[in-house]
Amino acid sequence: MRGNQWREYLWIVAVGVALIVALPSAIDTYTLTVLLVYAMLGLSLGLIWGFGGILCFGQAAFFGLGAYAYAISAINFGESTIPMLIAIIVPAAFAAILGAMMFYGRLADVYLGVITLVVTLIFYRFMNSTAGPEYMIGSARLGGFNGIPGFQTLNVPGYPDFYVWGDSLYYVVAVALLLVFLLVTWLLGSSFGRIAVGIRESETRMSLMGYDVRARKTVLFTVGAAIAGLSGAFFANWAEIVTPGLFSLPQSAEIIIWCIVGGLGTRIGPMVGAAGLSYLKFLLGQQSLVDNTLITGLILVLFVLFLPRGLVPAIVSVAGRVLTRRNRPSRRLRVRRAANG
């Protein structure tokens, strides 16, 4: 890697470690943990949609698959190390199969969105109908609308009795998010990432240049699903229960809103949108005067009308203008320079 890439990674690590250490002084670690989980989920869709141009309405499906895969595996294995890996592999494998079917089937973007949404709703309806005792995977009952409680939560690898919870869980999730962010940064900085952005801009042109567009979109779709599955596993450890609500339509819509508000085409934007709107929802949940859904919808409408590029691109644009004006010489100085030749 070039020197500027190393400097970028060092800056990311330095800022990430500083935030990990500083944030608990402002917000309790229990709330921070779920905010970081949602930030990872937002990043997964931001990668697929913002850089690959794949409008996926079913990111909640991979999130829920990761959570259920972890819970079922944890009950059967009695520890968390292998279930965490399974929670990544299962959504990734499902996304690889689904993505290959869609992309090699040459479906248009509208149909991609519809199919991913329908798949999510199928999971939601199916999981709600699994209340009977016959719906078991190994020793784990799916539980229907009641979900799966009482599974083994995160533990130190090889030591099932040493649980990772509270502040320790926060630091594990924070470090995992930092590593995922570094992975996404490396991926987008590689030739694969640049080609993915080219596919987003003009799929026909990249195809005419000889690139296998369908294969690359399938790989990107799979990577995003794997990240969403990891966030689902961490959510299961935080909530200590998984329910069909993870596949619900409101959950799917929220992830889309996070990316729009935070800013598509950026790595930070979907994370900021996810954490910020989730924290706002948490604060609004403590009152009953205004419906949370109404506030979220109003925020989306305002951003679409006045900040269509999202919050982070708008902040970057304003900061760039301020720095440009500050570095630009004054009018009197420009006139004096022109007079002096």
Foldseek 3Di string as FASTA:
>chain_A
DDPVLVVVLVVLVVVLVVCLVPVCVPPFLLLLLLLLLLLLLLLLVLLLCQQQVQDALQSLVLLQQLQVQQQQVQQVVVARDVSLVSLLVVLLVVLLVVLLCCLVVVDDRVVNHVVSLVVLVVLLVVLQPQQDPVQHDRPFGQRHQVFGADGQAHADVPDSVHHQDGSRLSVVSSVVSSVVLSVSVVCCPDPLNVLSNVCNVPVVVSVVVPDPSSVSSSNSSSSSSSSSSSSSNSVCNSVRTRGSVSSDSVVSVQSVLLDQAQFRNDSVRSSCSSSVLVVVLVVPVVDDPDDSVVVSVVSSVVCVVPPRRHDVVVVVVVVVVVVVVVPDDDPVVVVVVVVVD
